[in-house]
C-alpha atoms as a PDB file:
ATOM      1  CA  MET A   1       0.068   0.164  -0.251  1.00  0.00           C
ATOM      2  CA  ALA A   2       2.761   2.416   0.816  1.00  0.00           C
ATOM      3  CA  ASN A   3       4.281   1.585  -2.424  1.00  0.00           C
ATOM      4  CA  LYS A   4       1.185   2.503  -4.518  1.00  0.00           C
ATOM      5  CA  THR A   5       0.899   6.026  -2.138  1.00  0.00           C
ATOM      6  CA  LEU A   6       4.593   6.443  -3.230  1.00  0.00           C
ATOM      7  CA  LEU A   7       3.933   5.985  -6.692  1.00  0.00           C
ATOM      8  CA  CYS A   8       0.946   8.147  -6.759  1.00  0.00           C
ATOM      9  CA  PHE A   9       3.012  11.035  -5.336  1.00  0.00           C
ATOM     10  CA  LEU A  10       5.786  10.229  -7.757  1.00  0.00           C
ATOM     11  CA  SER A  11       3.274  10.172 -10.792  1.00  0.00           C
ATOM     12  CA  PHE A  12       1.622  13.791  -9.454  1.00  0.00           C
ATOM     13  CA  THR A  13       4.875  15.273  -8.930  1.00  0.00           C
ATOM     14  CA  LEU A  14       6.053  14.261 -12.457  1.00  0.00           C
ATOM     15  CA  PHE A  15       2.778  15.704 -13.823  1.00  0.00           C
ATOM     16  CA  LEU A  16       3.556  19.384 -12.084  1.00  0.00           C
ATOM     17  CA  SER A  17       7.008  19.416 -13.211  1.00  0.00           C
ATOM     18  CA  ALA A  18       5.814  18.818 -16.785  1.00  0.00           C
ATOM     19  CA  PHE A  19       3.123  21.469 -16.417  1.00  0.00           C
ATOM     20  CA  ALA A  20       5.460  23.773 -15.005  1.00  0.00           C
ATOM     21  CA  SER A  21       8.108  23.049 -17.751  1.00  0.00           C
ATOM     22  CA  ALA A  22       5.467  23.697 -20.561  1.00  0.00           C
ATOM     23  CA  GLU A  23       4.737  27.273 -19.873  1.00  0.00           C
ATOM     24  CA  LEU A  24       5.242  29.411 -22.985  1.00  0.00           C
ATOM     25  CA  CYS A  25       5.669  32.422 -21.277  1.00  0.00           C
ATOM     26  CA  HIS A  26       9.307  34.158 -21.096  1.00  0.00           C
ATOM     27  CA  PRO A  27      10.474  34.604 -17.581  1.00  0.00           C
ATOM     28  CA  GLN A  28      11.581  37.900 -18.324  1.00  0.00           C
ATOM     29  CA  ASP A  29       8.078  39.134 -19.558  1.00  0.00           C
ATOM     30  CA  LYS A  30       6.450  37.261 -16.888  1.00  0.00           C
ATOM     31  CA  ALA A  31       8.380  39.225 -14.303  1.00  0.00           C
ATOM     32  CA  ALA A  32       7.993  42.746 -15.968  1.00  0.00           C
ATOM     33  CA  LEU A  33       4.215  42.233 -16.340  1.00  0.00           C
ATOM     34  CA  LEU A  34       3.836  41.291 -12.577  1.00  0.00           C
ATOM     35  CA  GLN A  35       5.705  44.363 -11.513  1.00  0.00           C
ATOM     36  CA  ILE A  36       3.492  46.291 -14.018  1.00  0.00           C
ATOM     37  CA  LYS A  37       0.447  44.923 -12.499  1.00  0.00           C
ATOM     38  CA  GLN A  38       2.131  45.703  -8.941  1.00  0.00           C
ATOM     39  CA  GLU A  39       2.821  49.282  -9.681  1.00  0.00           C
ATOM     40  CA  LEU A  40      -0.794  49.807 -10.964  1.00  0.00           C
ATOM     41  CA  ASN A  41      -1.926  48.774  -7.624  1.00  0.00           C
ATOM     42  CA  ASN A  42      -3.198  45.442  -8.646  1.00  0.00           C
ATOM     43  CA  PRO A  43      -6.391  46.170 -10.477  1.00  0.00           C
ATOM     44  CA  ARG A  44      -9.474  43.710 -10.930  1.00  0.00           C
ATOM     45  CA  ILE A  45      -9.108  44.390 -14.593  1.00  0.00           C
ATOM     46  CA  LEU A  46      -5.417  42.410 -14.595  1.00  0.00           C
ATOM     47  CA  ARG A  47      -6.684  39.733 -12.015  1.00  0.00           C
ATOM     48  CA  SER A  48      -5.717  37.271 -14.529  1.00  0.00           C
ATOM     49  CA  TRP A  49      -2.384  37.695 -14.196  1.00  0.00           C
ATOM     50  CA  THR A  50      -1.042  35.692 -11.424  1.00  0.00           C
ATOM     51  CA  PRO A  51       2.455  33.715 -11.148  1.00  0.00           C
ATOM     52  CA  THR A  52       1.201  30.404 -11.457  1.00  0.00           C
ATOM     53  CA  THR A  53      -0.647  30.925 -14.520  1.00  0.00           C
ATOM     54  CA  ASP A  54       1.068  31.150 -18.138  1.00  0.00           C
ATOM     55  CA  CYS A  55       0.916  34.887 -19.613  1.00  0.00           C
ATOM     56  CA  CYS A  56       0.761  33.508 -23.010  1.00  0.00           C
ATOM     57  CA  ALA A  57      -2.261  31.456 -22.308  1.00  0.00           C
ATOM     58  CA  SER A  58      -4.987  33.123 -20.151  1.00  0.00           C
ATOM     59  CA  TRP A  59      -3.945  36.297 -19.482  1.00  0.00           C
ATOM     60  CA  PHE A  60      -6.039  39.193 -20.226  1.00  0.00           C
ATOM     61  CA  LEU A  61      -5.141  41.936 -22.435  1.00  0.00           C
ATOM     62  CA  VAL A  62      -1.903  40.374 -23.741  1.00  0.00           C
ATOM     63  CA  ALA A  63      -0.428  38.526 -26.691  1.00  0.00           C
ATOM     64  CA  CYS A  64       2.538  36.601 -27.616  1.00  0.00           C
ATOM     65  CA  ASN A  65       4.001  35.667 -30.848  1.00  0.00           C
ATOM     66  CA  GLN A  66       3.415  31.905 -31.588  1.00  0.00           C
ATOM     67  CA  THR A  67       6.914  31.072 -32.719  1.00  0.00           C
ATOM     68  CA  THR A  68       9.137  33.072 -29.974  1.00  0.00           C
ATOM     69  CA  ASN A  69       6.492  33.031 -27.254  1.00  0.00           C
ATOM     70  CA  ARG A  70       7.702  37.042 -26.478  1.00  0.00           C
ATOM     71  CA  VAL A  71       5.087  39.062 -25.291  1.00  0.00           C
ATOM     72  CA  TRP A  72       4.260  41.376 -28.789  1.00  0.00           C
ATOM     73  CA  PHE A  73       1.054  43.083 -27.654  1.00  0.00           C
ATOM     74  CA  LEU A  74      -0.114  44.944 -24.386  1.00  0.00           C
ATOM     75  CA  LYS A  75      -3.070  47.020 -23.916  1.00  0.00           C
ATOM     76  CA  VAL A  76      -4.260  48.040 -20.839  1.00  0.00           C
ATOM     77  CA  LEU A  77      -7.597  50.149 -21.066  1.00  0.00           C
ATOM     78  CA  TYR A  78     -11.063  51.039 -19.843  1.00  0.00           C
ATOM     79  CA  SER A  79     -10.957  51.405 -16.112  1.00  0.00           C
ATOM     80  CA  HIS A  80     -11.254  53.307 -13.424  1.00  0.00           C
ATOM     81  CA  HIS A  81      -9.760  51.169 -10.942  1.00  0.00           C
ATOM     82  CA  VAL A  82      -6.054  51.234 -12.837  1.00  0.00           C
ATOM     83  CA  THR A  83      -4.335  53.624 -10.118  1.00  0.00           C
ATOM     84  CA  GLY A  84      -0.532  54.424  -9.892  1.00  0.00           C
ATOM     85  CA  ARG A  85       1.644  54.780 -12.555  1.00  0.00           C
ATOM     86  CA  ILE A  86       3.445  53.144 -15.961  1.00  0.00           C
ATOM     87  CA  SER A  87       6.259  50.723 -14.149  1.00  0.00           C
ATOM     88  CA  SER A  88       9.738  51.299 -15.539  1.00  0.00           C
ATOM     89  CA  ALA A  89       9.665  47.612 -16.089  1.00  0.00           C
ATOM     90  CA  VAL A  90       7.675  47.971 -19.439  1.00  0.00           C
ATOM     91  CA  GLY A  91      11.211  48.378 -20.925  1.00  0.00           C
ATOM     92  CA  ASP A  92      11.863  45.164 -20.214  1.00  0.00           C
ATOM     93  CA  LEU A  93       9.258  43.762 -22.610  1.00  0.00           C
ATOM     94  CA  THR A  94      11.829  44.030 -25.391  1.00  0.00           C
ATOM     95  CA  GLU A  95       9.569  42.553 -28.217  1.00  0.00           C
ATOM     96  CA  LEU A  96       6.680  44.544 -27.973  1.00  0.00           C
ATOM     97  CA  GLN A  97       5.327  45.734 -30.782  1.00  0.00           C
ATOM     98  CA  ILE A  98       1.914  47.432 -29.767  1.00  0.00           C
ATOM     99  CA  LEU A  99       1.682  49.229 -26.535  1.00  0.00           C
ATOM    100  CA  SER A 100      -1.526  50.956 -25.188  1.00  0.00           C
ATOM    101  CA  PHE A 101      -2.443  52.643 -21.738  1.00  0.00           C
ATOM    102  CA  SER A 102      -5.893  54.351 -22.682  1.00  0.00           C
ATOM    103  CA  LYS A 103      -8.936  55.679 -20.839  1.00  0.00           C
ATOM    104  CA  LEU A 104      -7.421  55.197 -17.565  1.00  0.00           C
ATOM    105  CA  PRO A 105      -8.373  58.276 -15.857  1.00  0.00           C
ATOM    106  CA  ASN A 106      -6.541  57.575 -12.685  1.00  0.00           C
ATOM    107  CA  LEU A 107      -3.329  56.629 -14.325  1.00  0.00           C
ATOM    108  CA  THR A 108      -0.769  59.079 -13.600  1.00  0.00           C
ATOM    109  CA  GLY A 109       3.025  60.191 -13.233  1.00  0.00           C
ATOM    110  CA  THR A 110       5.185  60.361 -16.077  1.00  0.00           C
ATOM    111  CA  ILE A 111       6.230  58.248 -19.225  1.00  0.00           C
ATOM    112  CA  PRO A 112       9.078  56.252 -18.048  1.00  0.00           C
ATOM    113  CA  HIS A 113      12.497  56.710 -19.983  1.00  0.00           C
ATOM    114  CA  SER A 114      12.981  52.426 -20.057  1.00  0.00           C
ATOM    115  CA  ILE A 115       9.956  52.851 -22.752  1.00  0.00           C
ATOM    116  CA  THR A 116      13.049  53.661 -25.168  1.00  0.00           C
ATOM    117  CA  LYS A 117      14.250  50.270 -24.795  1.00  0.00           C
ATOM    118  CA  LEU A 118      11.232  49.161 -26.908  1.00  0.00           C
ATOM    119  CA  ARG A 119      12.974  49.136 -30.251  1.00  0.00           C
ATOM    120  CA  ASN A 120      10.553  46.816 -32.024  1.00  0.00           C
ATOM    121  CA  LEU A 121       7.663  48.949 -30.715  1.00  0.00           C
ATOM    122  CA  TYR A 122       5.841  50.850 -33.786  1.00  0.00           C
ATOM    123  CA  TYR A 123       2.296  51.302 -31.997  1.00  0.00           C
ATOM    124  CA  LEU A 124       2.491  53.733 -28.731  1.00  0.00           C
ATOM    125  CA  GLU A 125      -0.745  54.774 -27.484  1.00  0.00           C
ATOM    126  CA  ILE A 126      -1.044  56.791 -23.887  1.00  0.00           C
ATOM    127  CA  SER A 127      -4.178  58.344 -24.258  1.00  0.00           C
ATOM    128  CA  TYR A 128      -7.076  59.739 -21.372  1.00  0.00           C
ATOM    129  CA  THR A 129      -4.910  59.138 -18.622  1.00  0.00           C
ATOM    130  CA  GLY A 130      -3.761  61.512 -15.740  1.00  0.00           C
ATOM    131  CA  ILE A 131      -0.214  61.445 -17.163  1.00  0.00           C
ATOM    132  CA  SER A 132       1.466  64.503 -16.775  1.00  0.00           C
ATOM    133  CA  GLY A 133       4.318  66.747 -17.107  1.00  0.00           C
ATOM    134  CA  PRO A 134       6.084  67.611 -20.570  1.00  0.00           C
ATOM    135  CA  VAL A 135       5.861  65.611 -23.568  1.00  0.00           C
ATOM    136  CA  PRO A 136       9.328  63.275 -23.302  1.00  0.00           C
ATOM    137  CA  GLN A 137      12.069  64.286 -25.917  1.00  0.00           C
ATOM    138  CA  PHE A 138      13.277  61.099 -25.670  1.00  0.00           C
ATOM    139  CA  LEU A 139      10.474  59.339 -27.477  1.00  0.00           C
ATOM    140  CA  SER A 140      12.166  60.705 -30.353  1.00  0.00           C
ATOM    141  CA  GLN A 141      14.707  57.979 -29.804  1.00  0.00           C
ATOM    142  CA  MET A 142      12.142  55.252 -30.752  1.00  0.00           C
ATOM    143  CA  THR A 143      13.003  55.305 -34.315  1.00  0.00           C
ATOM    144  CA  SER A 144      10.415  52.182 -35.033  1.00  0.00           C
ATOM    145  CA  LEU A 145       7.224  54.231 -34.323  1.00  0.00           C
ATOM    146  CA  THR A 146       4.626  54.604 -37.025  1.00  0.00           C
ATOM    147  CA  ASP A 147       1.913  55.471 -34.716  1.00  0.00           C
ATOM    148  CA  LEU A 148       2.483  58.144 -31.748  1.00  0.00           C
ATOM    149  CA  ILE A 149      -0.928  58.824 -29.760  1.00  0.00           C
ATOM    150  CA  LEU A 150      -0.578  60.777 -26.529  1.00  0.00           C
ATOM    151  CA  THR A 151      -4.387  62.159 -27.069  1.00  0.00           C
ATOM    152  CA  GLY A 152      -6.345  63.831 -23.744  1.00  0.00           C
ATOM    153  CA  ASN A 153      -3.776  63.215 -20.949  1.00  0.00           C
ATOM    154  CA  LYS A 154      -2.336  66.396 -19.011  1.00  0.00           C
ATOM    155  CA  PHE A 155       1.113  66.906 -20.686  1.00  0.00           C
ATOM    156  CA  THR A 156       2.284  70.832 -20.723  1.00  0.00           C
ATOM    157  CA  GLY A 157       5.254  72.520 -22.232  1.00  0.00           C
ATOM    158  CA  PRO A 158       5.775  72.429 -25.633  1.00  0.00           C
ATOM    159  CA  VAL A 159       5.446  70.439 -28.719  1.00  0.00           C
ATOM    160  CA  PRO A 160       8.642  68.411 -28.925  1.00  0.00           C
ATOM    161  CA  PRO A 161      10.584  69.550 -32.212  1.00  0.00           C
ATOM    162  CA  SER A 162      12.266  66.322 -31.987  1.00  0.00           C
ATOM    163  CA  PHE A 163       9.284  64.076 -33.330  1.00  0.00           C
ATOM    164  CA  ALA A 164      10.475  65.211 -36.785  1.00  0.00           C
ATOM    165  CA  GLN A 165      13.321  62.787 -36.640  1.00  0.00           C
ATOM    166  CA  LEU A 166      10.942  59.823 -36.317  1.00  0.00           C
ATOM    167  CA  THR A 167      11.315  58.883 -40.335  1.00  0.00           C
ATOM    168  CA  LYS A 168       8.525  56.049 -40.027  1.00  0.00           C
ATOM    169  CA  LEU A 169       5.659  58.026 -38.317  1.00  0.00           C
ATOM    170  CA  GLU A 170       2.598  57.985 -39.909  1.00  0.00           C
ATOM    171  CA  SER A 171      -0.044  59.419 -37.466  1.00  0.00           C
ATOM    172  CA  LEU A 172       0.813  61.954 -34.747  1.00  0.00           C
ATOM    173  CA  ASN A 173      -1.882  62.632 -32.228  1.00  0.00           C
ATOM    174  CA  LEU A 174      -0.847  65.658 -29.388  1.00  0.00           C
ATOM    175  CA  ASP A 175      -4.257  66.654 -29.043  1.00  0.00           C
ATOM    176  CA  GLN A 176      -6.366  67.459 -25.879  1.00  0.00           C
ATOM    177  CA  ASN A 177      -3.476  68.414 -23.901  1.00  0.00           C
ATOM    178  CA  MET A 178      -2.285  71.772 -22.481  1.00  0.00           C
ATOM    179  CA  LEU A 179       0.392  72.213 -24.713  1.00  0.00           C
ATOM    180  CA  THR A 180       1.932  75.877 -25.121  1.00  0.00           C
ATOM    181  CA  GLY A 181       3.916  77.596 -27.369  1.00  0.00           C
ATOM    182  CA  THR A 182       4.266  77.153 -31.101  1.00  0.00           C
ATOM    183  CA  ILE A 183       4.316  74.659 -33.907  1.00  0.00           C
ATOM    184  CA  PRO A 184       7.756  73.466 -34.737  1.00  0.00           C
ATOM    185  CA  ASP A 185       8.397  74.466 -38.230  1.00  0.00           C
ATOM    186  CA  VAL A 186      10.469  71.657 -38.570  1.00  0.00           C
ATOM    187  CA  TYR A 187       7.488  69.687 -38.415  1.00  0.00           C
ATOM    188  CA  GLY A 188       6.665  70.450 -42.060  1.00  0.00           C
ATOM    189  CA  SER A 189       9.782  68.281 -42.868  1.00  0.00           C
ATOM    190  CA  PHE A 190       8.464  64.886 -41.923  1.00  0.00           C
ATOM    191  CA  LYS A 191      10.521  62.307 -44.151  1.00  0.00           C
ATOM    192  CA  ASN A 192       7.596  59.921 -44.508  1.00  0.00           C
ATOM    193  CA  PRO A 193       4.099  60.873 -45.498  1.00  0.00           C
ATOM    194  CA  ILE A 194       1.904  61.564 -42.534  1.00  0.00           C
ATOM    195  CA  ILE A 195      -1.389  60.139 -42.753  1.00  0.00           C
ATOM    196  CA  TYR A 196      -2.778  62.167 -39.669  1.00  0.00           C
ATOM    197  CA  VAL A 197      -1.198  64.950 -37.343  1.00  0.00           C
ATOM    198  CA  THR A 198      -3.507  66.508 -34.970  1.00  0.00           C
ATOM    199  CA  LEU A 199      -2.619  69.569 -32.331  1.00  0.00           C
ATOM    200  CA  ALA A 200      -6.117  70.439 -31.356  1.00  0.00           C
ATOM    201  CA  ARG A 201      -7.422  71.417 -28.168  1.00  0.00           C
ATOM    202  CA  ASN A 202      -4.334  72.555 -26.647  1.00  0.00           C
ATOM    203  CA  ARG A 203      -3.078  76.162 -25.742  1.00  0.00           C
ATOM    204  CA  LEU A 204      -0.874  76.756 -29.241  1.00  0.00           C
ATOM    205  CA  THR A 205      -0.121  80.528 -29.954  1.00  0.00           C
ATOM    206  CA  GLY A 206       1.718  81.910 -32.992  1.00  0.00           C
ATOM    207  CA  THR A 207       0.907  80.893 -36.709  1.00  0.00           C
ATOM    208  CA  VAL A 208       0.963  77.739 -38.558  1.00  0.00           C
ATOM    209  CA  PRO A 209       4.349  77.506 -40.104  1.00  0.00           C
ATOM    210  CA  ARG A 210       4.995  78.499 -44.042  1.00  0.00           C
ATOM    211  CA  SER A 211       6.928  74.907 -43.876  1.00  0.00           C
ATOM    212  CA  PHE A 212       3.316  72.959 -43.953  1.00  0.00           C
ATOM    213  CA  LYS A 213       2.547  74.212 -47.657  1.00  0.00           C
ATOM    214  CA  ASN A 214       3.913  71.293 -48.898  1.00  0.00           C
ATOM    215  CA  ALA A 215       4.128  69.168 -46.168  1.00  0.00           C
ATOM    216  CA  ASN A 216       3.127  65.365 -46.520  1.00  0.00           C
ATOM    217  CA  PHE A 217      -0.006  65.660 -44.259  1.00  0.00           C
ATOM    218  CA  SER A 218      -3.251  63.873 -45.686  1.00  0.00           C
ATOM    219  CA  THR A 219      -4.863  65.591 -42.332  1.00  0.00           C
ATOM    220  CA  ILE A 220      -3.886  68.506 -40.354  1.00  0.00           C
ATOM    221  CA  ASN A 221      -6.092  69.457 -36.985  1.00  0.00           C
ATOM    222  CA  VAL A 222      -4.956  72.607 -35.109  1.00  0.00           C
ATOM    223  CA  SER A 223      -8.569  73.496 -33.839  1.00  0.00           C
ATOM    224  CA  LYS A 224      -9.012  74.569 -30.562  1.00  0.00           C
ATOM    225  CA  ASN A 225      -5.918  76.388 -30.028  1.00  0.00           C
ATOM    226  CA  LYS A 226      -4.985  80.263 -30.109  1.00  0.00           C
ATOM    227  CA  LEU A 227      -3.339  80.344 -33.279  1.00  0.00           C
ATOM    228  CA  THR A 228      -3.417  83.499 -35.523  1.00  0.00           C
ATOM    229  CA  GLY A 229      -2.349  84.877 -39.233  1.00  0.00           C
ATOM    230  CA  ASP A 230      -2.577  83.519 -42.322  1.00  0.00           C
ATOM    231  CA  ALA A 231      -3.579  79.794 -42.865  1.00  0.00           C
ATOM    232  CA  SER A 232      -5.001  80.095 -46.193  1.00  0.00           C
ATOM    233  CA  PHE A 233      -1.441  78.806 -48.148  1.00  0.00           C
ATOM    234  CA  LEU A 234      -2.529  74.876 -46.640  1.00  0.00           C
ATOM    235  CA  PHE A 235      -5.626  74.721 -48.785  1.00  0.00           C
ATOM    236  CA  ASN A 236      -3.904  74.184 -52.202  1.00  0.00           C
ATOM    237  CA  ASN A 237      -1.714  71.454 -50.710  1.00  0.00           C
ATOM    238  CA  GLN A 238      -2.076  68.697 -52.912  1.00  0.00           C
ATOM    239  CA  ALA A 239      -1.544  65.906 -50.300  1.00  0.00           C
ATOM    240  CA  LEU A 240      -4.196  67.577 -47.593  1.00  0.00           C
ATOM    241  CA  PHE A 241      -7.621  65.509 -47.853  1.00  0.00           C
ATOM    242  CA  GLU A 242      -8.625  67.184 -44.228  1.00  0.00           C
ATOM    243  CA  ILE A 243      -8.253  70.724 -42.701  1.00  0.00           C
ATOM    244  CA  ASP A 244      -9.482  71.731 -39.366  1.00  0.00           C
ATOM    245  CA  LEU A 245      -8.771  74.971 -38.065  1.00  0.00           C
ATOM    246  CA  GLU A 246     -12.106  75.411 -36.074  1.00  0.00           C
ATOM    247  CA  GLY A 247     -11.583  77.562 -33.239  1.00  0.00           C
ATOM    248  CA  ASN A 248      -8.801  80.101 -33.572  1.00  0.00           C
ATOM    249  CA  GLU A 249      -8.170  83.673 -34.264  1.00  0.00           C
ATOM    250  CA  PHE A 250      -7.054  82.825 -37.813  1.00  0.00           C
ATOM    251  CA  LEU A 251      -7.453  86.014 -40.228  1.00  0.00           C
ATOM    252  CA  PHE A 252      -7.240  86.204 -44.062  1.00  0.00           C
ATOM    253  CA  ASP A 253      -9.444  86.435 -47.107  1.00  0.00           C
ATOM    254  CA  PHE A 254     -11.130  83.111 -48.257  1.00  0.00           C
ATOM    255  CA  SER A 255     -11.736  84.348 -51.457  1.00  0.00           C
ATOM    256  CA  LYS A 256      -8.275  84.390 -52.638  1.00  0.00           C
ATOM    257  CA  VAL A 257      -7.659  80.737 -51.294  1.00  0.00           C
ATOM    258  CA  LYS A 258      -6.537  78.240 -53.744  1.00  0.00           C
ATOM    259  CA  VAL A 259      -8.125  74.901 -52.797  1.00  0.00           C
ATOM    260  CA  SER A 260      -6.814  71.503 -53.835  1.00  0.00           C
ATOM    261  CA  GLU A 261      -9.077  69.004 -55.788  1.00  0.00           C
ATOM    262  CA  ASN A 262      -8.466  66.607 -53.244  1.00  0.00           C
ATOM    263  CA  MET A 263      -9.755  68.393 -50.491  1.00  0.00           C
ATOM    264  CA  GLN A 264     -12.767  66.094 -48.708  1.00  0.00           C
ATOM    265  CA  ARG A 265     -13.139  68.135 -45.343  1.00  0.00           C
ATOM    266  CA  ILE A 266     -12.975  71.548 -44.767  1.00  0.00           C
ATOM    267  CA  ASP A 267     -13.888  73.200 -41.048  1.00  0.00           C
ATOM    268  CA  ILE A 268     -12.829  77.324 -40.589  1.00  0.00           C
ATOM    269  CA  SER A 269     -15.335  77.972 -38.198  1.00  0.00           C
ATOM    270  CA  LYS A 270     -15.361  80.070 -35.323  1.00  0.00           C
ATOM    271  CA  ASN A 271     -12.458  82.406 -36.667  1.00  0.00           C
ATOM    272  CA  LYS A 272     -11.899  85.526 -38.224  1.00  0.00           C
ATOM    273  CA  ILE A 273     -11.573  84.798 -41.630  1.00  0.00           C
ATOM    274  CA  TYR A 274     -13.540  86.998 -44.085  1.00  0.00           C
ATOM    275  CA  GLY A 275     -14.383  87.361 -47.945  1.00  0.00           C
ATOM    276  CA  SER A 276     -16.597  85.267 -49.637  1.00  0.00           C
ATOM    277  CA  ILE A 277     -16.784  81.443 -50.180  1.00  0.00           C
ATOM    278  CA  PRO A 278     -14.351  81.067 -53.551  1.00  0.00           C
ATOM    279  CA  GLU A 279     -15.912  79.543 -56.953  1.00  0.00           C
ATOM    280  CA  SER A 280     -13.090  76.405 -56.516  1.00  0.00           C
ATOM    281  CA  LEU A 281     -15.343  74.836 -54.057  1.00  0.00           C
ATOM    282  CA  THR A 282     -17.914  74.104 -56.909  1.00  0.00           C
ATOM    283  CA  LYS A 283     -15.439  72.017 -58.103  1.00  0.00           C
ATOM    284  CA  LEU A 284     -14.936  69.664 -55.294  1.00  0.00           C
ATOM    285  CA  MET A 285     -16.902  66.757 -55.948  1.00  0.00           C
ATOM    286  CA  GLY A 286     -15.771  64.602 -52.908  1.00  0.00           C
ATOM    287  CA  LEU A 287     -16.325  67.684 -50.529  1.00  0.00           C
ATOM    288  CA  LEU A 288     -17.805  65.557 -47.560  1.00  0.00           C
ATOM    289  CA  VAL A 289     -17.697  68.336 -44.855  1.00  0.00           C
ATOM    290  CA  LEU A 290     -17.995  72.031 -45.011  1.00  0.00           C
ATOM    291  CA  ASN A 291     -17.913  74.328 -41.752  1.00  0.00           C
ATOM    292  CA  ALA A 292     -17.645  78.067 -42.368  1.00  0.00           C
ATOM    293  CA  SER A 293     -19.914  79.143 -39.933  1.00  0.00           C
ATOM    294  CA  TYR A 294     -18.575  82.168 -37.201  1.00  0.00           C
ATOM    295  CA  ASN A 295     -16.620  83.957 -39.264  1.00  0.00           C
ATOM    296  CA  GLU A 296     -16.770  87.311 -41.373  1.00  0.00           C
ATOM    297  CA  LEU A 297     -17.564  86.180 -44.711  1.00  0.00           C
ATOM    298  CA  CYS A 298     -20.161  87.696 -47.420  1.00  0.00           C
ATOM    299  CA  GLY A 299     -21.705  87.636 -50.638  1.00  0.00           C
ATOM    300  CA  LYS A 300     -23.355  84.795 -52.183  1.00  0.00           C
ATOM    301  CA  ILE A 301     -22.886  81.545 -51.844  1.00  0.00           C
ATOM    302  CA  PRO A 302     -21.731  79.723 -54.914  1.00  0.00           C
ATOM    303  CA  VAL A 303     -24.090  77.412 -56.588  1.00  0.00           C
ATOM    304  CA  GLY A 304     -22.361  74.192 -57.616  1.00  0.00           C
ATOM    305  CA  GLY A 305     -20.498  70.682 -56.503  1.00  0.00           C
ATOM    306  CA  GLU A 306     -21.666  70.033 -52.886  1.00  0.00           C
ATOM    307  CA  LEU A 307     -21.990  73.607 -51.540  1.00  0.00           C
ATOM    308  CA  GLN A 308     -25.817  73.190 -51.851  1.00  0.00           C
ATOM    309  CA  SER A 309     -26.019  69.830 -49.748  1.00  0.00           C
ATOM    310  CA  PHE A 310     -24.781  71.025 -46.879  1.00  0.00           C
ATOM    311  CA  ASN A 311     -26.955  72.300 -43.893  1.00  0.00           C
ATOM    312  CA  ALA A 312     -27.397  76.153 -43.277  1.00  0.00           C
ATOM    313  CA  THR A 313     -25.507  75.612 -39.964  1.00  0.00           C
ATOM    314  CA  SER A 314     -22.265  75.585 -42.116  1.00  0.00           C
ATOM    315  CA  TYR A 315     -22.784  79.137 -43.046  1.00  0.00           C
ATOM    316  CA  PHE A 316     -24.229  80.453 -40.048  1.00  0.00           C
ATOM    317  CA  HIS A 317     -23.245  83.773 -37.981  1.00  0.00           C
ATOM    318  CA  ASN A 318     -21.021  85.442 -40.672  1.00  0.00           C
ATOM    319  CA  LYS A 319     -21.303  89.011 -41.854  1.00  0.00           C
ATOM    320  CA  CYS A 320     -23.353  88.974 -44.905  1.00  0.00           C
ATOM    321  CA  LEU A 321     -23.655  85.470 -46.544  1.00  0.00           C
ATOM    322  CA  CYS A 322     -26.504  85.017 -48.703  1.00  0.00           C
ATOM    323  CA  GLY A 323     -28.315  82.153 -51.107  1.00  0.00           C
ATOM    324  CA  ALA A 324     -28.829  78.561 -50.674  1.00  0.00           C
ATOM    325  CA  PRO A 325     -28.753  77.256 -48.319  1.00  0.00           C
ATOM    326  CA  LEU A 326     -29.124  80.441 -46.886  1.00  0.00           C
ATOM    327  CA  PRO A 327     -31.935  82.794 -47.548  1.00  0.00           C
ATOM    328  CA  ALA A 328     -31.821  84.428 -51.220  1.00  0.00           C
ATOM    329  CA  CYS A 329     -29.752  87.383 -51.644  1.00  0.00           C
END
């Protein structure tokens, strides 16, 4: 009987040993993730992250490469229970390609410098959190980045000029922070065609750099800042599909604007723009959005293209605009 009991015990021990040796999660990744969890004060959303389970098999918000078993994906999002700060241990997840901390209003502190160790990272999102301080210049060392999304945080200080060094960047989102100062002139010389650039809802001042005239942007959004001067040169940029200048203090003659035939969305509302609606807008058959309200525009709205398809609110509160969809002149 004793021999049988011993045999059962040995069999169970071997089973546990085999189970342990079959774990796919790399020890370095597991240690880093557990440290990240601890510095986020062990939130409920990460309750599946335990020392006795496999991070590649059952951990929520984590994914491993099926060949190397290294963690390549980490997204922590949608939780009021996540508190604390981003651990410097995030830099030990050296095979990460996608990293996101999003919609975590109680996440505070700053972005750790160790994040620059993530040489394979191409998507970085830290959005709608309580992360504060200056936008770190050292992020420009992350040369694999194609998407840098820092929307809706509490960043202060200037827009880092060094981001222009990110030659693979396709999307730059610095909107909804408390950034001050001017837009770096060097942003007009990004090497890679930029799909999307938004600096909206900050406290930026000065003018739009003239270097943006031929910049490789498809979208430029500088709405709801304190920008001034003439931004009319943007409209003839053949790369642009969307311009959003809403809620600034731009001052220029809209009637003299030359508009690229590729333009699909134009918002110039809530500025000090004068003149009339340019006839060239009637040639934009792909125009999806136009908002020219709350300016100093005057004269008859040209007939043609998509101009009469927009609601009258697109033309409201100007000096003396008239004609469909507004009342006749």
